[in-house]
Structure formats: C-alpha cells, structure tokens
PDB file of all heavy atoms in Angstrom:
ATOM      1  N   ALA A   1      20.559 -10.815  20.270  1.00  0.00           N
ATOM      2  CA  ALA A   1      19.386 -10.304  19.561  1.00  0.00           C
ATOM      3  C   ALA A   1      18.247 -10.126  20.550  1.00  0.00           C
ATOM      4  O   ALA A   1      17.450 -11.035  20.777  1.00  0.00           O
ATOM      5  CB  ALA A   1      18.978 -11.279  18.452  1.00  0.00           C
ATOM      6  N   ASP A   2      18.160  -8.938  21.157  1.00  0.00           N
ATOM      7  CA  ASP A   2      17.053  -8.674  22.070  1.00  0.00           C
ATOM      8  C   ASP A   2      16.698  -7.186  22.027  1.00  0.00           C
ATOM      9  O   ASP A   2      17.331  -6.393  21.325  1.00  0.00           O
ATOM     10  CB  ASP A   2      17.391  -9.121  23.497  1.00  0.00           C
ATOM     11  CG  ASP A   2      18.652  -8.438  24.056  1.00  0.00           C
ATOM     12  OD1 ASP A   2      19.026  -7.351  23.547  1.00  0.00           O
ATOM     13  OD2 ASP A   2      19.263  -8.985  24.992  1.00  0.00           O
ATOM     14  N   GLU A   3      15.664  -6.815  22.771  1.00  0.00           N
ATOM     15  CA  GLU A   3      15.176  -5.438  22.741  1.00  0.00           C
ATOM     16  C   GLU A   3      16.198  -4.457  23.299  1.00  0.00           C
ATOM     17  O   GLU A   3      16.272  -3.312  22.872  1.00  0.00           O
ATOM     18  CB  GLU A   3      13.858  -5.336  23.525  1.00  0.00           C
ATOM     19  CG  GLU A   3      12.666  -5.944  22.811  1.00  0.00           C
ATOM     20  CD  GLU A   3      12.397  -5.276  21.473  1.00  0.00           C
ATOM     21  OE1 GLU A   3      12.343  -4.034  21.421  1.00  0.00           O
ATOM     22  OE2 GLU A   3      12.248  -5.996  20.474  1.00  0.00           O
ATOM     23  N   ALA A   4      17.011  -4.896  24.254  1.00  0.00           N
ATOM     24  CA  ALA A   4      18.019  -4.014  24.830  1.00  0.00           C
ATOM     25  C   ALA A   4      19.044  -3.610  23.764  1.00  0.00           C
ATOM     26  O   ALA A   4      19.476  -2.452  23.694  1.00  0.00           O
ATOM     27  CB  ALA A   4      18.719  -4.705  26.002  1.00  0.00           C
ATOM     28  N   THR A   5      19.425  -4.554  22.918  1.00  0.00           N
ATOM     29  CA  THR A   5      20.356  -4.256  21.831  1.00  0.00           C
ATOM     30  C   THR A   5      19.739  -3.273  20.848  1.00  0.00           C
ATOM     31  O   THR A   5      20.398  -2.324  20.388  1.00  0.00           O
ATOM     32  CB  THR A   5      20.752  -5.560  21.102  1.00  0.00           C
ATOM     33  OG1 THR A   5      21.447  -6.411  22.017  1.00  0.00           O
ATOM     34  CG2 THR A   5      21.628  -5.270  19.894  1.00  0.00           C
ATOM     35  N   LYS A   6      18.478  -3.504  20.546  1.00  0.00           N
ATOM     36  CA  LYS A   6      17.776  -2.597  19.639  1.00  0.00           C
ATOM     37  C   LYS A   6      17.759  -1.175  20.201  1.00  0.00           C
ATOM     38  O   LYS A   6      18.018  -0.202  19.474  1.00  0.00           O
ATOM     39  CB  LYS A   6      16.338  -3.118  19.435  1.00  0.00           C
ATOM     40  CG  LYS A   6      15.518  -2.382  18.421  1.00  0.00           C
ATOM     41  CD  LYS A   6      14.194  -3.122  18.232  1.00  0.00           C
ATOM     42  CE  LYS A   6      13.184  -2.299  17.501  1.00  0.00           C
ATOM     43  NZ  LYS A   6      11.891  -2.987  17.349  1.00  0.00           N
ATOM     44  N   ARG A   7      17.504  -1.046  21.492  1.00  0.00           N
ATOM     45  CA  ARG A   7      17.495   0.277  22.128  1.00  0.00           C
ATOM     46  C   ARG A   7      18.890   0.911  22.099  1.00  0.00           C
ATOM     47  O   ARG A   7      19.038   2.127  21.931  1.00  0.00           O
ATOM     48  CB  ARG A   7      16.969   0.179  23.560  1.00  0.00           C
ATOM     49  CG  ARG A   7      15.468  -0.064  23.653  1.00  0.00           C
ATOM     50  CD  ARG A   7      14.977   0.168  25.074  1.00  0.00           C
ATOM     51  NE  ARG A   7      15.536  -0.787  26.017  1.00  0.00           N
ATOM     52  CZ  ARG A   7      14.998  -1.976  26.297  1.00  0.00           C
ATOM     53  NH1 ARG A   7      13.882  -2.351  25.673  1.00  0.00           N
ATOM     54  NH2 ARG A   7      15.572  -2.789  27.173  1.00  0.00           N
ATOM     55  N   SER A   8      19.922   0.068  22.264  1.00  0.00           N
ATOM     56  CA  SER A   8      21.295   0.578  22.217  1.00  0.00           C
ATOM     57  C   SER A   8      21.602   1.189  20.857  1.00  0.00           C
ATOM     58  O   SER A   8      22.261   2.234  20.760  1.00  0.00           O
ATOM     59  CB  SER A   8      22.292  -0.551  22.512  1.00  0.00           C
ATOM     60  OG  SER A   8      22.130  -1.036  23.831  1.00  0.00           O
ATOM     61  N   PHE A   9      21.134   0.549  19.806  1.00  0.00           N
ATOM     62  CA  PHE A   9      21.351   1.082  18.465  1.00  0.00           C
ATOM     63  C   PHE A   9      20.610   2.406  18.267  1.00  0.00           C
ATOM     64  O   PHE A   9      21.138   3.336  17.655  1.00  0.00           O
ATOM     65  CB  PHE A   9      20.904   0.066  17.408  1.00  0.00           C
ATOM     66  CG  PHE A   9      21.998  -0.852  16.958  1.00  0.00           C
ATOM     67  CD1 PHE A   9      22.312  -1.986  17.685  1.00  0.00           C
ATOM     68  CD2 PHE A   9      22.727  -0.583  15.814  1.00  0.00           C
ATOM     69  CE1 PHE A   9      23.326  -2.837  17.276  1.00  0.00           C
ATOM     70  CE2 PHE A   9      23.741  -1.412  15.401  1.00  0.00           C
ATOM     71  CZ  PHE A   9      24.050  -2.558  16.133  1.00  0.00           C
ATOM     72  N   VAL A  10      19.381   2.496  18.779  1.00  0.00           N
ATOM     73  CA  VAL A  10      18.610   3.731  18.646  1.00  0.00           C
ATOM     74  C   VAL A  10      19.329   4.869  19.356  1.00  0.00           C
ATOM     75  O   VAL A  10      19.443   5.985  18.827  1.00  0.00           O
ATOM     76  CB  VAL A  10      17.176   3.552  19.196  1.00  0.00           C
ATOM     77  CG1 VAL A  10      16.449   4.894  19.247  1.00  0.00           C
ATOM     78  CG2 VAL A  10      16.393   2.564  18.335  1.00  0.00           C
ATOM     79  N   GLU A  11      19.843   4.593  20.561  1.00  0.00           N
ATOM     80  CA  GLU A  11      20.578   5.621  21.314  1.00  0.00           C
ATOM     81  C   GLU A  11      21.839   6.054  20.556  1.00  0.00           C
ATOM     82  O   GLU A  11      22.188   7.235  20.511  1.00  0.00           O
ATOM     83  CB  GLU A  11      20.938   5.079  22.705  1.00  0.00           C
ATOM     84  CG  GLU A  11      19.723   4.889  23.608  1.00  0.00           C
ATOM     85  CD  GLU A  11      20.053   4.089  24.857  1.00  0.00           C
ATOM     86  OE1 GLU A  11      21.253   3.733  25.024  1.00  0.00           O
ATOM     87  OE2 GLU A  11      19.132   3.799  25.641  1.00  0.00           O
ATOM     88  N   TRP A  12      22.550   5.071  19.971  1.00  0.00           N
ATOM     89  CA  TRP A  12      23.759   5.387  19.211  1.00  0.00           C
ATOM     90  C   TRP A  12      23.438   6.236  17.975  1.00  0.00           C
ATOM     91  O   TRP A  12      24.127   7.213  17.682  1.00  0.00           O
ATOM     92  CB  TRP A  12      24.441   4.081  18.797  1.00  0.00           C
ATOM     93  CG  TRP A  12      25.527   4.267  17.782  1.00  0.00           C
ATOM     94  CD1 TRP A  12      26.733   4.863  17.985  1.00  0.00           C
ATOM     95  CD2 TRP A  12      25.494   3.866  16.415  1.00  0.00           C
ATOM     96  NE1 TRP A  12      27.472   4.852  16.823  1.00  0.00           N
ATOM     97  CE2 TRP A  12      26.731   4.246  15.839  1.00  0.00           C
ATOM     98  CE3 TRP A  12      24.563   3.207  15.627  1.00  0.00           C
ATOM     99  CZ2 TRP A  12      27.045   3.993  14.511  1.00  0.00           C
ATOM    100  CZ3 TRP A  12      24.865   2.953  14.303  1.00  0.00           C
ATOM    101  CH2 TRP A  12      26.082   3.354  13.756  1.00  0.00           C
ATOM    102  N   LEU A  13      22.358   5.874  17.248  1.00  0.00           N
ATOM    103  CA  LEU A  13      21.951   6.649  16.070  1.00  0.00           C
ATOM    104  C   LEU A  13      21.639   8.090  16.456  1.00  0.00           C
ATOM    105  O   LEU A  13      22.013   9.037  15.752  1.00  0.00           O
ATOM    106  CB  LEU A  13      20.716   6.009  15.425  1.00  0.00           C
ATOM    107  CG  LEU A  13      20.929   4.700  14.676  1.00  0.00           C
ATOM    108  CD1 LEU A  13      19.589   4.021  14.388  1.00  0.00           C
ATOM    109  CD2 LEU A  13      21.680   4.931  13.370  1.00  0.00           C
ATOM    110  N   ASP A  14      20.990   8.233  17.594  1.00  0.00           N
ATOM    111  CA  ASP A  14      20.614   9.578  18.058  1.00  0.00           C
ATOM    112  C   ASP A  14      21.859  10.395  18.429  1.00  0.00           C
ATOM    113  O   ASP A  14      21.988  11.563  18.039  1.00  0.00           O
ATOM    114  CB  ASP A  14      19.671   9.447  19.253  1.00  0.00           C
ATOM    115  CG  ASP A  14      19.065  10.779  19.659  1.00  0.00           C
ATOM    116  OD1 ASP A  14      18.584  11.503  18.773  1.00  0.00           O
ATOM    117  OD2 ASP A  14      19.086  11.102  20.860  1.00  0.00           O
ATOM    118  N   ARG A  15      22.774   9.785  19.146  1.00  0.00           N
ATOM    119  CA  ARG A  15      23.998  10.496  19.553  1.00  0.00           C
ATOM    120  C   ARG A  15      24.834  10.892  18.332  1.00  0.00           C
ATOM    121  O   ARG A  15      25.404  11.982  18.282  1.00  0.00           O
ATOM    122  CB  ARG A  15      24.842   9.617  20.479  1.00  0.00           C
ATOM    123  CG  ARG A  15      24.316   9.468  21.876  1.00  0.00           C
ATOM    124  CD  ARG A  15      25.389   8.918  22.803  1.00  0.00           C
ATOM    125  NE  ARG A  15      26.003   7.693  22.295  1.00  0.00           N
ATOM    126  CZ  ARG A  15      25.567   6.467  22.543  1.00  0.00           C
ATOM    127  NH1 ARG A  15      24.497   6.297  23.313  1.00  0.00           N
ATOM    128  NH2 ARG A  15      26.186   5.414  22.050  1.00  0.00           N
ATOM    129  N   ALA A  16      24.888   9.992  17.357  1.00  0.00           N
ATOM    130  CA  ALA A  16      25.717  10.238  16.177  1.00  0.00           C
ATOM    131  C   ALA A  16      25.041  11.169  15.175  1.00  0.00           C
ATOM    132  O   ALA A  16      25.680  11.612  14.216  1.00  0.00           O
ATOM    133  CB  ALA A  16      26.047   8.907  15.497  1.00  0.00           C
ATOM    134  N   GLY A  17      23.754  11.452  15.389  1.00  0.00           N
ATOM    135  CA  GLY A  17      23.034  12.322  14.475  1.00  0.00           C
ATOM    136  C   GLY A  17      22.589  11.632  13.201  1.00  0.00           C
ATOM    137  O   GLY A  17      22.241  12.289  12.212  1.00  0.00           O
ATOM    138  N   PHE A  18      22.575  10.275  13.219  1.00  0.00           N
ATOM    139  CA  PHE A  18      22.163   9.523  12.038  1.00  0.00           C
ATOM    140  C   PHE A  18      20.651   9.266  11.998  1.00  0.00           C
ATOM    141  O   PHE A  18      20.102   8.951  10.949  1.00  0.00           O
ATOM    142  CB  PHE A  18      22.879   8.163  11.984  1.00  0.00           C
ATOM    143  CG  PHE A  18      24.369   8.257  11.870  1.00  0.00           C
ATOM    144  CD1 PHE A  18      25.178   7.274  12.439  1.00  0.00           C
ATOM    145  CD2 PHE A  18      24.971   9.315  11.219  1.00  0.00           C
ATOM    146  CE1 PHE A  18      26.557   7.347  12.334  1.00  0.00           C
ATOM    147  CE2 PHE A  18      26.351   9.395  11.114  1.00  0.00           C
ATOM    148  CZ  PHE A  18      27.152   8.414  11.678  1.00  0.00           C
ATOM    149  N   GLY A  19      20.000   9.358  13.153  1.00  0.00           N
ATOM    150  CA  GLY A  19      18.570   9.033  13.198  1.00  0.00           C
ATOM    151  C   GLY A  19      18.022   9.197  14.596  1.00  0.00           C
ATOM    152  O   GLY A  19      18.690   9.709  15.496  1.00  0.00           O
ATOM    153  N   ARG A  20      16.793   8.701  14.774  1.00  0.00           N
ATOM    154  CA  ARG A  20      16.153   8.784  16.091  1.00  0.00           C
ATOM    155  C   ARG A  20      15.060   7.727  16.181  1.00  0.00           C
ATOM    156  O   ARG A  20      14.550   7.244  15.162  1.00  0.00           O
ATOM    157  CB  ARG A  20      15.539  10.168  16.313  1.00  0.00           C
ATOM    158  CG  ARG A  20      14.475  10.567  15.318  1.00  0.00           C
ATOM    159  CD  ARG A  20      13.990  11.990  15.555  1.00  0.00           C
ATOM    160  NE  ARG A  20      13.044  12.443  14.546  1.00  0.00           N
ATOM    161  CZ  ARG A  20      11.740  12.200  14.564  1.00  0.00           C
ATOM    162  NH1 ARG A  20      11.202  11.498  15.554  1.00  0.00           N
ATOM    163  NH2 ARG A  20      10.960  12.661  13.618  1.00  0.00           N
ATOM    164  N   GLY A  21      14.706   7.377  17.419  1.00  0.00           N
ATOM    165  CA  GLY A  21      13.652   6.391  17.634  1.00  0.00           C
ATOM    166  C   GLY A  21      12.303   6.886  17.155  1.00  0.00           C
ATOM    167  O   GLY A  21      12.001   8.082  17.223  1.00  0.00           O
ATOM    168  N   LYS A  22      11.471   5.976  16.672  1.00  0.00           N
ATOM    169  CA  LYS A  22      10.159   6.358  16.142  1.00  0.00           C
ATOM    170  C   LYS A  22       9.188   5.188  16.264  1.00  0.00           C
ATOM    171  O   LYS A  22       9.553   4.037  16.041  1.00  0.00           O
ATOM    172  CB  LYS A  22      10.298   6.762  14.670  1.00  0.00           C
ATOM    173  CG  LYS A  22       9.012   7.117  13.976  1.00  0.00           C
ATOM    174  CD  LYS A  22       8.392   8.390  14.539  1.00  0.00           C
ATOM    175  CE  LYS A  22       7.121   8.777  13.789  1.00  0.00           C
ATOM    176  NZ  LYS A  22       6.450   9.945  14.394  1.00  0.00           N
ATOM    177  N   VAL A  23       7.949   5.516  16.640  1.00  0.00           N
ATOM    178  CA  VAL A  23       6.860   4.537  16.649  1.00  0.00           C
ATOM    179  C   VAL A  23       5.939   4.854  15.487  1.00  0.00           C
ATOM    180  O   VAL A  23       5.527   6.010  15.304  1.00  0.00           O
ATOM    181  CB  VAL A  23       6.062   4.573  17.970  1.00  0.00           C
ATOM    182  CG1 VAL A  23       4.876   3.629  17.908  1.00  0.00           C
ATOM    183  CG2 VAL A  23       6.975   4.217  19.142  1.00  0.00           C
ATOM    184  N   THR A  24       5.635   3.869  14.658  1.00  0.00           N
ATOM    185  CA  THR A  24       4.698   4.059  13.547  1.00  0.00           C
ATOM    186  C   THR A  24       3.556   3.047  13.671  1.00  0.00           C
ATOM    187  O   THR A  24       3.617   2.105  14.461  1.00  0.00           O
ATOM    188  CB  THR A  24       5.375   3.891  12.174  1.00  0.00           C
ATOM    189  OG1 THR A  24       5.796   2.534  12.035  1.00  0.00           O
ATOM    190  CG2 THR A  24       6.563   4.815  12.022  1.00  0.00           C
ATOM    191  N   TYR A  25       2.537   3.265  12.857  1.00  0.00           N
ATOM    192  CA  TYR A  25       1.353   2.417  12.898  1.00  0.00           C
ATOM    193  C   TYR A  25       0.934   2.032  11.485  1.00  0.00           C
ATOM    194  O   TYR A  25       1.087   2.821  10.546  1.00  0.00           O
ATOM    195  CB  TYR A  25       0.184   3.149  13.577  1.00  0.00           C
ATOM    196  CG  TYR A  25       0.491   3.574  14.986  1.00  0.00           C
ATOM    197  CD1 TYR A  25       1.054   4.820  15.246  1.00  0.00           C
ATOM    198  CD2 TYR A  25       0.260   2.722  16.063  1.00  0.00           C
ATOM    199  CE1 TYR A  25       1.368   5.211  16.531  1.00  0.00           C
ATOM    200  CE2 TYR A  25       0.566   3.101  17.350  1.00  0.00           C
ATOM    201  CZ  TYR A  25       1.121   4.346  17.582  1.00  0.00           C
ATOM    202  OH  TYR A  25       1.430   4.721  18.854  1.00  0.00           O
ATOM    203  N   ARG A  26       0.421   0.837  11.375  1.00  0.00           N
ATOM    204  CA  ARG A  26      -0.182   0.421  10.111  1.00  0.00           C
ATOM    205  C   ARG A  26      -1.480   1.199   9.886  1.00  0.00           C
ATOM    206  O   ARG A  26      -1.857   1.503   8.751  1.00  0.00           O
ATOM    207  CB  ARG A  26      -0.471  -1.082  10.147  1.00  0.00           C
ATOM    208  CG  ARG A  26      -1.058  -1.643   8.855  1.00  0.00           C
ATOM    209  CD  ARG A  26      -1.407  -3.117   9.033  1.00  0.00           C
ATOM    210  NE  ARG A  26      -2.018  -3.661   7.843  1.00  0.00           N
ATOM    211  CZ  ARG A  26      -1.351  -4.172   6.834  1.00  0.00           C
ATOM    212  NH1 ARG A  26      -0.036  -4.200   6.856  1.00  0.00           N
ATOM    213  NH2 ARG A  26      -1.991  -4.657   5.780  1.00  0.00           N
ATOM    214  N   LEU A  27      -2.161   1.501  10.985  1.00  0.00           N
ATOM    215  CA  LEU A  27      -3.371   2.312  10.948  1.00  0.00           C
ATOM    216  C   LEU A  27      -3.074   3.636  10.250  1.00  0.00           C
ATOM    217  O   LEU A  27      -2.050   4.263  10.501  1.00  0.00           O
ATOM    218  CB  LEU A  27      -3.845   2.571  12.372  1.00  0.00           C
ATOM    219  CG  LEU A  27      -5.080   3.463  12.566  1.00  0.00           C
ATOM    220  CD1 LEU A  27      -6.324   2.754  12.065  1.00  0.00           C
ATOM    221  CD2 LEU A  27      -5.234   3.837  14.033  1.00  0.00           C
ATOM    222  N   ARG A  28      -3.954   4.055   9.377  1.00  0.00           N
ATOM    223  CA  ARG A  28      -3.772   5.313   8.662  1.00  0.00           C
ATOM    224  C   ARG A  28      -4.874   6.287   9.034  1.00  0.00           C
ATOM    225  O   ARG A  28      -6.005   5.891   9.338  1.00  0.00           O
ATOM    226  CB  ARG A  28      -3.820   5.067   7.142  1.00  0.00           C
ATOM    227  CG  ARG A  28      -2.635   4.282   6.617  1.00  0.00           C
ATOM    228  CD  ARG A  28      -1.374   5.116   6.648  1.00  0.00           C
ATOM    229  NE  ARG A  28      -0.188   4.311   6.380  1.00  0.00           N
ATOM    230  CZ  ARG A  28       0.608   3.819   7.309  1.00  0.00           C
ATOM    231  NH1 ARG A  28       0.347   4.043   8.574  1.00  0.00           N
ATOM    232  NH2 ARG A  28       1.667   3.115   6.999  1.00  0.00           N
ATOM    233  N   ASP A  29      -4.542   7.569   9.006  1.00  0.00           N
ATOM    234  CA  ASP A  29      -5.575   8.572   9.221  1.00  0.00           C
ATOM    235  C   ASP A  29      -6.628   8.458   8.119  1.00  0.00           C
ATOM    236  O   ASP A  29      -6.320   8.092   6.981  1.00  0.00           O
ATOM    237  CB  ASP A  29      -4.959   9.973   9.233  1.00  0.00           C
ATOM    238  CG  ASP A  29      -4.212  10.253  10.519  1.00  0.00           C
ATOM    239  OD1 ASP A  29      -4.476   9.557  11.516  1.00  0.00           O
ATOM    240  OD2 ASP A  29      -3.359  11.156  10.532  1.00  0.00           O
ATOM    241  N   TRP A  30      -7.861   8.815   8.488  1.00  0.00           N
ATOM    242  CA  TRP A  30      -9.021   8.584   7.620  1.00  0.00           C
ATOM    243  C   TRP A  30      -9.174   9.732   6.622  1.00  0.00           C
ATOM    244  O   TRP A  30      -9.407  10.872   7.001  1.00  0.00           O
ATOM    245  CB  TRP A  30     -10.256   8.439   8.510  1.00  0.00           C
ATOM    246  CG  TRP A  30     -11.529   8.179   7.789  1.00  0.00           C
ATOM    247  CD1 TRP A  30     -11.697   7.666   6.534  1.00  0.00           C
ATOM    248  CD2 TRP A  30     -12.843   8.414   8.302  1.00  0.00           C
ATOM    249  NE1 TRP A  30     -13.025   7.560   6.228  1.00  0.00           N
ATOM    250  CE2 TRP A  30     -13.750   8.021   7.289  1.00  0.00           C
ATOM    251  CE3 TRP A  30     -13.335   8.911   9.494  1.00  0.00           C
ATOM    252  CZ2 TRP A  30     -15.126   8.115   7.456  1.00  0.00           C
ATOM    253  CZ3 TRP A  30     -14.695   9.008   9.660  1.00  0.00           C
ATOM    254  CH2 TRP A  30     -15.578   8.610   8.655  1.00  0.00           C
ATOM    255  N   LEU A  31      -9.034   9.390   5.332  1.00  0.00           N
ATOM    256  CA  LEU A  31      -9.226  10.380   4.278  1.00  0.00           C
ATOM    257  C   LEU A  31     -10.723  10.578   4.078  1.00  0.00           C
ATOM    258  O   LEU A  31     -11.437   9.642   3.746  1.00  0.00           O
ATOM    259  CB  LEU A  31      -8.567   9.882   2.986  1.00  0.00           C
ATOM    260  CG  LEU A  31      -8.435  10.871   1.830  1.00  0.00           C
ATOM    261  CD1 LEU A  31      -7.356  10.398   0.862  1.00  0.00           C
ATOM    262  CD2 LEU A  31      -9.733  11.065   1.071  1.00  0.00           C
ATOM    263  N   ILE A  32     -11.212  11.817   4.302  1.00  0.00           N
ATOM    264  CA  ILE A  32     -12.668  12.041   4.288  1.00  0.00           C
ATOM    265  C   ILE A  32     -13.147  12.929   3.151  1.00  0.00           C
ATOM    266  O   ILE A  32     -14.355  13.076   2.958  1.00  0.00           O
ATOM    267  CB  ILE A  32     -13.141  12.666   5.621  1.00  0.00           C
ATOM    268  CG1 ILE A  32     -12.468  14.027   5.833  1.00  0.00           C
ATOM    269  CG2 ILE A  32     -12.895  11.718   6.776  1.00  0.00           C
ATOM    270  CD1 ILE A  32     -13.074  14.839   6.951  1.00  0.00           C
ATOM    271  N   SER A  33     -12.233  13.532   2.376  1.00  0.00           N
ATOM    272  CA  SER A  33     -12.715  14.529   1.411  1.00  0.00           C
ATOM    273  C   SER A  33     -12.939  13.977   0.018  1.00  0.00           C
ATOM    274  O   SER A  33     -13.168  14.716  -0.921  1.00  0.00           O
ATOM    275  CB  SER A  33     -11.743  15.713   1.352  1.00  0.00           C
ATOM    276  OG  SER A  33     -10.470  15.303   0.930  1.00  0.00           O
ATOM    277  N   ARG A  34     -12.896  12.664  -0.161  1.00  0.00           N
ATOM    278  CA  ARG A  34     -13.126  12.090  -1.483  1.00  0.00           C
ATOM    279  C   ARG A  34     -14.610  12.072  -1.859  1.00  0.00           C
ATOM    280  O   ARG A  34     -14.971  11.825  -2.996  1.00  0.00           O
ATOM    281  CB  ARG A  34     -12.600  10.660  -1.550  1.00  0.00           C
ATOM    282  CG  ARG A  34     -13.374   9.712  -0.650  1.00  0.00           C
ATOM    283  CD  ARG A  34     -13.195   8.259  -1.052  1.00  0.00           C
ATOM    284  NE  ARG A  34     -13.901   7.373  -0.158  1.00  0.00           N
ATOM    285  CZ  ARG A  34     -15.204   7.152  -0.197  1.00  0.00           C
ATOM    286  NH1 ARG A  34     -15.960   7.777  -1.083  1.00  0.00           N
ATOM    287  NH2 ARG A  34     -15.786   6.334   0.658  1.00  0.00           N
ATOM    288  N   GLN A  35     -15.499  12.306  -0.884  1.00  0.00           N
ATOM    289  CA  GLN A  35     -16.891  11.940  -1.083  1.00  0.00           C
ATOM    290  C   GLN A  35     -17.676  12.840  -2.037  1.00  0.00           C
ATOM    291  O   GLN A  35     -18.615  12.408  -2.642  1.00  0.00           O
ATOM    292  CB  GLN A  35     -17.628  11.904   0.265  1.00  0.00           C
ATOM    293  CG  GLN A  35     -17.174  10.769   1.165  1.00  0.00           C
ATOM    294  CD  GLN A  35     -16.089  11.205   2.122  1.00  0.00           C
ATOM    295  OE1 GLN A  35     -15.375  12.157   1.863  1.00  0.00           O
ATOM    296  NE2 GLN A  35     -15.943  10.498   3.217  1.00  0.00           N
ATOM    297  N   ARG A  36     -17.314  14.126  -2.161  1.00  0.00           N
ATOM    298  CA  ARG A  36     -18.149  15.086  -2.891  1.00  0.00           C
ATOM    299  C   ARG A  36     -19.569  15.036  -2.335  1.00  0.00           C
ATOM    300  O   ARG A  36     -19.823  15.456  -1.216  1.00  0.00           O
ATOM    301  CB  ARG A  36     -18.115  14.826  -4.398  1.00  0.00           C
ATOM    302  CG  ARG A  36     -16.909  15.471  -5.048  1.00  0.00           C
ATOM    303  CD  ARG A  36     -16.873  15.265  -6.524  1.00  0.00           C
ATOM    304  NE  ARG A  36     -17.740  16.175  -7.238  1.00  0.00           N
ATOM    305  CZ  ARG A  36     -17.752  16.269  -8.546  1.00  0.00           C
ATOM    306  NH1 ARG A  36     -16.957  15.493  -9.261  1.00  0.00           N
ATOM    307  NH2 ARG A  36     -18.544  17.110  -9.156  1.00  0.00           N
ATOM    308  N   TYR A  37     -20.532  14.506  -3.077  1.00  0.00           N
ATOM    309  CA  TYR A  37     -21.905  14.430  -2.564  1.00  0.00           C
ATOM    310  C   TYR A  37     -22.064  13.346  -1.496  1.00  0.00           C
ATOM    311  O   TYR A  37     -23.146  13.124  -1.004  1.00  0.00           O
ATOM    312  CB  TYR A  37     -22.882  14.146  -3.708  1.00  0.00           C
ATOM    313  CG  TYR A  37     -23.190  15.353  -4.553  1.00  0.00           C
ATOM    314  CD1 TYR A  37     -22.721  15.449  -5.855  1.00  0.00           C
ATOM    315  CD2 TYR A  37     -23.939  16.415  -4.049  1.00  0.00           C
ATOM    316  CE1 TYR A  37     -22.996  16.551  -6.640  1.00  0.00           C
ATOM    317  CE2 TYR A  37     -24.217  17.523  -4.820  1.00  0.00           C
ATOM    318  CZ  TYR A  37     -23.748  17.588  -6.119  1.00  0.00           C
ATOM    319  OH  TYR A  37     -24.021  18.670  -6.882  1.00  0.00           O
ATOM    320  N   TRP A  38     -20.964  12.646  -1.179  1.00  0.00           N
ATOM    321  CA  TRP A  38     -21.100  11.492  -0.290  1.00  0.00           C
ATOM    322  C   TRP A  38     -21.075  11.882   1.188  1.00  0.00           C
ATOM    323  O   TRP A  38     -21.223  11.048   2.065  1.00  0.00           O
ATOM    324  CB  TRP A  38     -19.972  10.493  -0.570  1.00  0.00           C
ATOM    325  CG  TRP A  38     -20.323   9.101  -0.180  1.00  0.00           C
ATOM    326  CD1 TRP A  38     -20.246   8.568   1.067  1.00  0.00           C
ATOM    327  CD2 TRP A  38     -20.828   8.066  -1.024  1.00  0.00           C
ATOM    328  NE1 TRP A  38     -20.663   7.268   1.058  1.00  0.00           N
ATOM    329  CE2 TRP A  38     -21.033   6.926  -0.213  1.00  0.00           C
ATOM    330  CE3 TRP A  38     -21.132   7.973  -2.363  1.00  0.00           C
ATOM    331  CZ2 TRP A  38     -21.514   5.728  -0.715  1.00  0.00           C
ATOM    332  CZ3 TRP A  38     -21.603   6.775  -2.856  1.00  0.00           C
ATOM    333  CH2 TRP A  38     -21.792   5.678  -2.048  1.00  0.00           C
TER     334      TRP A  38
END
C-alpha cells in the first residue's frame, strides 16, 4: 500500500481504457451571479 502502487493502477486504467489520472480540489469556483443588486 504505497503511492507507487496507486500510480501503477492509474497507468493500468489508462492503458485499458477504463479511466485516467485526475487531480481534484475541495476548493470550488466562485459563483458570482446570485447577487442581482448585490
């Protein structure tokens, strides 16, 4: 159970066409159009 194993799975998913590596964030883009007069 280490990062190298995790990378091996990502490479396998990509080769097999099942998926691909991805970085996501908890941070969300800022929704600005709710304000109306705000």
